[in-house]
């Protein structure tokens, strides 16, 4: 299954992706509003004995994190029942999330 979602997130806003599958690959892309520079990262989501766990597999850790509320980053993580994305970059950003699972 492949899913894709484009989100416009204000600073400090959390977006719900609606992606509830507990294993797969998450591709995250954005074009920084301030500079127009593109950034991307690959996350792996795996089921650790019933607990969905996110790992930052590839990408620039300067812009991405897998921990909620990490400042100055786009945070991608599992919360309760789905993958969520949090914008902590300081400006409104357009973030594309693609899920392969």
Protein backbone atom coordinates (compact mmCIF):
# COMPACT_ATOMS: atom_id res chain seq x y z
CA UNK A 1 0.00 0.00 0.00
CA UNK A 2 1.25 3.49 -0.85
CA UNK A 3 -0.32 6.57 0.73
CA UNK A 4 0.55 10.23 0.23
CA UNK A 5 -0.52 13.31 2.13
CA UNK A 6 0.41 16.98 1.75
CA UNK A 7 0.08 19.07 4.90
CA UNK A 8 0.42 22.80 5.46
CA UNK A 9 1.53 23.13 9.07
CA UNK A 10 2.04 26.35 11.01
CA UNK A 11 4.92 26.55 13.45
CA UNK A 12 4.25 24.29 16.47
CA UNK A 13 1.34 22.60 14.67
CA UNK A 14 0.89 18.81 14.71
CA UNK A 15 -0.62 17.14 11.67
CA UNK A 16 -2.38 13.79 11.78
CA UNK A 17 -1.54 11.74 8.71
CA UNK A 18 -4.35 9.22 9.08
CA UNK A 19 -1.77 6.49 8.38
CA UNK A 20 -2.51 3.74 10.88
CA UNK A 21 -0.46 0.85 9.52
CA UNK A 22 2.19 -0.10 12.09
CA UNK A 23 5.05 -1.11 9.77
CA UNK A 24 6.52 0.49 6.67
CA UNK A 25 8.66 3.26 5.23
CA UNK A 26 7.86 6.96 5.64
CA UNK A 27 9.26 9.48 3.15
CA UNK A 28 9.07 13.12 4.27
CA UNK A 29 9.77 16.06 1.98
CA UNK A 30 9.61 19.81 2.38
CA UNK A 31 10.77 22.98 0.71
CA UNK A 32 11.89 25.41 3.40
CA UNK A 33 9.67 28.50 3.23
CA UNK A 34 12.51 30.82 4.24
CA UNK A 35 15.06 29.67 1.63
CA UNK A 36 13.31 27.50 -0.96
CA UNK A 37 15.80 24.71 -0.27
CA UNK A 38 14.40 21.16 -0.45
CA UNK A 39 14.96 18.73 2.43
CA UNK A 40 13.91 15.11 2.77
CA UNK A 41 14.27 12.13 5.09
CA UNK A 42 13.39 8.45 5.23
CA UNK A 43 11.93 6.95 8.40
CA UNK A 44 11.32 3.29 9.14
CA UNK A 45 8.30 2.28 11.19
CA UNK A 46 8.48 -1.16 12.78
CA UNK A 47 6.43 -3.08 15.32
CA UNK A 48 8.53 -3.72 18.45
CA UNK A 49 6.49 -6.33 20.32
CA UNK A 50 3.24 -4.44 19.77
CA UNK A 51 4.70 -0.93 20.06
CA UNK A 52 5.07 0.94 16.74
CA UNK A 53 8.56 2.48 16.74
CA UNK A 54 9.94 5.14 14.37
CA UNK A 55 13.60 5.28 13.33
CA UNK A 56 15.23 8.08 11.32
CA UNK A 57 16.91 5.96 8.65
CA UNK A 58 18.33 8.51 6.22
CA UNK A 59 18.25 12.27 5.94
CA UNK A 60 19.63 15.37 7.50
CA UNK A 61 19.18 15.26 11.28
CA UNK A 62 19.51 19.05 11.25
CA UNK A 63 15.92 19.29 9.98
CA UNK A 64 14.25 16.04 11.12
CA UNK A 65 13.64 14.21 14.39
CA UNK A 66 11.56 11.29 15.62
CA UNK A 67 10.88 12.83 19.04
CA UNK A 68 7.83 15.00 19.70
CA UNK A 69 8.50 18.66 20.64
CA UNK A 70 12.11 18.66 19.40
CA UNK A 71 12.67 22.34 18.61
CA UNK A 72 13.75 23.63 15.17
CA UNK A 73 12.90 20.35 13.38
CA UNK A 74 10.13 18.45 11.65
CA UNK A 75 9.25 15.68 14.10
CA UNK A 76 7.84 12.42 12.69
CA UNK A 77 6.55 9.88 15.21
CA UNK A 78 3.87 7.34 16.13
CA UNK A 79 1.30 8.56 18.64
CA UNK A 80 -1.64 6.51 19.94
CA UNK A 81 -2.95 5.15 16.63
CA UNK A 82 -1.18 6.83 13.71
CA UNK A 83 1.87 8.59 12.32
CA UNK A 84 2.00 12.28 13.20
CA UNK A 85 4.13 15.15 11.93
CA UNK A 86 5.00 18.22 14.00
CA UNK A 87 6.43 21.41 12.51
CA UNK A 88 8.86 23.14 14.87
CA UNK A 89 10.84 25.01 12.18
CA UNK A 90 9.57 28.48 13.12
CA UNK A 91 7.51 29.18 9.98
CA UNK A 92 4.55 27.65 8.17
CA UNK A 93 5.79 24.77 6.00
CA UNK A 94 4.32 22.53 3.32
CA UNK A 95 5.26 18.96 4.22
CA UNK A 96 4.63 15.91 2.05
CA UNK A 97 4.43 12.51 3.71
CA UNK A 98 4.52 9.33 1.64
CA UNK A 99 4.03 5.95 3.25
CA UNK A 100 4.97 2.59 1.77
CA UNK A 101 3.80 -0.41 3.72
